[in-house]
């Protein structure tokens, strides 16, 4: 049985039983036929979400120090700018 057939059967049974569900990630993309985001886009979105949730608690000096050490200062700047504009 293909992954798509399995998901179709699973969804039918979940809906019959009136169980809420969500299909995400690669199986969801396969089922809906949409391309999956690249790993770097997913990582950016994950970090952005964490920064937004922890916005008031961020130690920006610490983050900037390690971004400089790791050579990802521009990436941190992009994420912080995006968080400030949401």
Protein backbone atom coordinates (compact mmCIF):
# COMPACT_ATOMS: atom_id res chain seq x y z
CA UNK A 1 0.00 0.00 0.00
CA UNK A 2 1.38 3.41 -0.95
CA UNK A 3 1.82 6.17 1.60
CA UNK A 4 -0.90 8.20 -0.10
CA UNK A 5 -3.38 5.28 0.03
CA UNK A 6 -2.55 4.70 3.68
CA UNK A 7 -3.14 8.38 4.50
CA UNK A 8 -6.43 8.39 2.58
CA UNK A 9 -7.67 5.36 4.55
CA UNK A 10 -6.45 6.85 7.82
CA UNK A 11 -8.26 10.14 7.14
CA UNK A 12 -11.49 8.37 6.22
CA UNK A 13 -11.39 6.42 9.49
CA UNK A 14 -10.50 9.46 11.59
CA UNK A 15 -13.34 11.46 10.04
CA UNK A 16 -15.78 8.56 10.53
CA UNK A 17 -14.82 8.45 14.21
CA UNK A 18 -15.03 12.28 14.38
CA UNK A 19 -11.44 12.51 15.61
CA UNK A 20 -9.70 15.83 14.83
CA UNK A 21 -6.42 15.37 13.01
CA UNK A 22 -3.60 17.22 11.31
CA UNK A 23 -1.10 15.83 8.85
CA UNK A 24 2.16 17.74 8.68
CA UNK A 25 5.68 17.45 7.45
CA UNK A 26 6.66 15.21 4.59
CA UNK A 27 3.51 13.02 4.72
CA UNK A 28 1.31 16.12 4.62
CA UNK A 29 3.24 17.55 1.70
CA UNK A 30 3.02 14.24 -0.12
CA UNK A 31 -0.70 14.00 0.48
CA UNK A 32 -1.44 17.56 -0.58
CA UNK A 33 1.07 17.54 -3.41
CA UNK A 34 2.82 20.70 -2.25
CA UNK A 35 6.58 21.03 -2.24
CA UNK A 36 8.18 20.82 1.18
CA UNK A 37 10.09 23.81 2.45
CA UNK A 38 13.84 23.49 2.40
CA UNK A 39 15.59 22.54 5.60
CA UNK A 40 17.08 26.03 5.98
CA UNK A 41 13.63 27.65 5.59
CA UNK A 42 12.24 25.35 8.27
CA UNK A 43 15.14 26.09 10.59
CA UNK A 44 14.73 29.85 10.03
CA UNK A 45 11.02 29.61 10.81
CA UNK A 46 11.70 27.50 13.93
CA UNK A 47 14.26 29.98 15.27
CA UNK A 48 11.95 32.89 14.46
CA UNK A 49 9.15 31.22 16.43
CA UNK A 50 11.39 30.69 19.44
CA UNK A 51 12.62 34.29 19.33
CA UNK A 52 9.08 35.62 19.10
CA UNK A 53 7.89 33.52 22.06
CA UNK A 54 10.94 34.46 24.16
CA UNK A 55 11.19 38.07 22.90
CA UNK A 56 11.04 39.67 26.36
CA UNK A 57 13.59 37.22 27.81
CA UNK A 58 16.24 37.37 25.08
CA UNK A 59 19.79 38.20 26.04
CA UNK A 60 20.65 39.94 22.77
CA UNK A 61 24.28 40.56 23.73
CA UNK A 62 24.76 36.83 24.32
CA UNK A 63 23.08 35.96 21.01
CA UNK A 64 25.17 38.52 19.11
CA UNK A 65 28.38 37.27 20.74
CA UNK A 66 27.71 33.70 19.60
CA UNK A 67 26.43 34.76 16.19
CA UNK A 68 29.74 36.60 15.71
CA UNK A 69 31.73 33.56 16.94
CA UNK A 70 29.83 31.24 14.59
CA UNK A 71 29.86 33.62 11.62
CA UNK A 72 26.07 33.91 11.40
CA UNK A 73 25.60 37.56 12.39
CA UNK A 74 23.64 38.44 9.26
CA UNK A 75 21.30 35.50 9.82
CA UNK A 76 20.63 36.59 13.41
CA UNK A 77 20.04 40.16 12.19
CA UNK A 78 17.55 38.86 9.59
CA UNK A 79 15.67 36.85 12.19
CA UNK A 80 15.52 39.70 14.72
CA UNK A 81 14.41 42.19 12.03
CA UNK A 82 11.68 39.81 10.91
CA UNK A 83 10.53 39.26 14.52
CA UNK A 84 10.41 43.04 15.13
CA UNK A 85 8.21 43.53 12.06
CA UNK A 86 5.64 40.84 12.85
